[in-house]
Structures are given as C-alpha cells and as structure tokens.
Protein backbone atom coordinates (compact mmCIF):
# COMPACT_ATOMS: atom_id res chain seq x y z
CA MET A 1 0.02 -0.19 0.08
CA ARG A 2 3.46 2.27 1.06
CA ALA A 3 3.88 1.70 -2.96
CA ALA A 4 0.48 2.85 -4.00
CA LEU A 5 0.83 5.68 -2.41
CA LEU A 6 4.57 6.63 -3.43
CA VAL A 7 3.19 5.94 -7.05
CA LEU A 8 0.38 8.66 -7.02
CA VAL A 9 2.49 11.14 -5.50
CA LEU A 10 4.89 10.74 -7.67
CA LEU A 11 3.00 10.66 -10.77
CA THR A 12 0.64 13.55 -9.43
CA ALA A 13 3.56 15.84 -8.17
CA PRO A 14 4.87 16.54 -11.56
CA LEU A 15 0.73 18.31 -12.58
CA GLY A 16 0.38 21.01 -9.39
CA ALA A 17 4.71 22.48 -9.81
CA PRO A 18 3.62 24.72 -12.75
CA ALA A 19 0.60 26.35 -11.12
CA LEU A 20 3.13 26.86 -8.17
CA ALA A 21 6.06 28.00 -10.26
CA ALA A 22 3.16 30.28 -11.60
CA GLY A 23 1.73 32.49 -8.50
CA PHE A 24 5.17 32.41 -7.02
CA THR A 25 6.47 35.69 -6.67
CA GLY A 26 10.23 35.72 -5.03
CA PHE A 27 10.91 36.21 -1.21
CA GLY A 28 11.62 39.54 0.05
CA ALA A 29 10.73 43.12 -0.90
CA ALA A 30 12.48 42.70 -4.31
CA GLY A 31 9.65 39.80 -4.76
CA GLN A 32 6.92 42.12 -3.72
CA GLN A 33 4.61 42.99 -6.96
CA PRO A 34 1.80 45.44 -6.43
CA GLU A 35 -2.01 42.92 -6.73
CA THR A 36 -4.24 43.86 -9.02
CA GLN A 37 -7.53 42.63 -8.88
CA PRO A 38 -9.01 41.08 -12.51
CA LYS A 39 -12.16 43.01 -13.37
CA PRO A 40 -15.22 41.23 -12.98
CA VAL A 41 -16.96 40.13 -16.27
CA ASP A 42 -20.31 39.47 -16.63
CA GLU A 43 -20.46 37.95 -19.61
CA PHE A 44 -19.38 34.62 -21.18
CA VAL A 45 -15.76 35.10 -22.56
CA PRO A 46 -13.87 31.99 -24.76
CA VAL A 47 -11.09 30.06 -22.54
CA SER A 48 -9.11 30.73 -25.50
CA GLN A 49 -9.49 34.61 -25.02
CA LEU A 50 -8.40 34.56 -21.26
CA PRO A 51 -4.76 35.48 -20.22
CA PRO A 52 -2.76 32.71 -19.41
CA GLN A 53 -2.75 32.23 -16.41
CA ASP A 54 -5.86 32.44 -15.74
CA GLN A 55 -6.59 29.24 -18.45
CA LEU A 56 -6.48 26.00 -16.65
CA PRO A 57 -5.59 22.86 -18.82
CA ALA A 58 -7.49 20.43 -18.37
CA ALA A 59 -4.75 16.86 -19.42
CA PRO A 60 -2.69 16.83 -16.42
CA LEU A 61 -6.08 17.31 -14.33
CA LEU A 62 -8.25 14.25 -16.40
CA VAL A 63 -4.32 12.08 -16.61
CA GLY A 64 -4.32 12.74 -12.82
CA ALA A 65 -7.97 11.28 -12.17
CA TYR A 66 -7.59 8.53 -13.76
CA ALA A 67 -3.79 7.47 -12.46
CA PHE A 68 -5.24 8.35 -9.10
CA VAL A 69 -8.69 6.25 -9.45
CA TRP A 70 -6.49 3.19 -11.03
CA LEU A 71 -4.03 3.33 -8.41
CA ALA A 72 -7.05 2.76 -6.06
CA LEU A 73 -9.03 0.45 -7.65
CA PHE A 74 -5.36 -1.97 -7.93
CA GLY A 75 -4.69 -1.19 -4.03
CA TYR A 76 -8.16 -2.39 -3.22
CA VAL A 77 -8.01 -5.44 -6.04
CA VAL A 78 -4.61 -6.02 -4.25
CA SER A 79 -5.83 -5.92 -0.46
CA VAL A 80 -8.86 -7.43 -1.17
CA GLY A 81 -7.11 -10.69 -2.64
CA ARG A 82 -4.64 -10.57 0.02
CA ARG A 83 -7.31 -10.94 3.11
CA LEU A 84 -8.90 -13.78 1.14
CA SER A 85 -5.96 -15.41 0.83
CA LYS A 86 -5.85 -15.30 4.81
CA VAL A 87 -9.31 -16.70 4.77
CA GLN A 88 -8.45 -19.25 2.17
CA HIS A 89 -5.39 -20.97 4.05
CA GLU A 90 -7.55 -20.58 8.05
CA VAL A 91 -9.79 -22.14 6.30
CA GLU A 92 -7.80 -24.98 5.24
CA ARG A 93 -6.16 -25.00 8.35
CA LEU A 94 -9.53 -25.38 10.04
CA GLU A 95 -10.02 -28.35 7.74
CA SER A 96 -7.02 -30.09 8.51
CA ASP A 97 -7.75 -29.68 12.26
CA ILE A 98 -11.45 -31.52 12.27
CA ALA A 99 -9.71 -34.60 9.43
CA LYS A 100 -7.67 -34.85 12.02
CA GLY A 101 -10.01 -34.85 15.25
CA THR A 102 -8.16 -32.37 17.46
CA ARG A 103 -10.05 -28.59 17.88
CA ALA A 104 -8.76 -25.22 17.99
C-alpha cells in the first residue's frame, strides 16, 4: 500500500508544479509586486481569450484523476486478494484440524 501511495505522489507531483511556479513571485521586498485585481466579467468569455495565467489545462488533471482512480482500484483489489488468501489458509487449517479430530 505504501508503494501505491508513493507511485501516486510521484505521478501527480509534476501536475501541481506549473501552477505553483506561475504564482511564485519570490521572497523579500524585491520579489513583491503590487497585486492587481482582475475586473469582473459579466458575460461569457471563451477560454482561448483568457490570459494564460487564468487558463486551466484539463489534460494533466484528467490524467491525474484517472491515475488516482486506477491506483486506488488496484490497491483495493490487492487488499481484497490478501484478505481472501488469509481466509483461505484459515479454512484449510480448520479443515485439517477437523480431519485430524482435534479442536482449535
């Protein structure tokens, strides 16, 4: 399960890096710039006409979502398989105890 979590972190870490880097202005007084508030828009504006910092690429988010779902599903199937194996070994042990005539 730890390996699946590590793979998930490694797969999704590059997705957030461009967003973090775009909003980073630096440290200290030299890196500070005056904040400008965007003018509210009352009408529809196509994404292609938005400034680059306001556009959100969907492909990395979609790939990240699918990777997360597949990894979660794989982890669940592995977990169920391990538990089923333990139950099967326990049933085999109980059957052998019954066949020997001993009680556990």
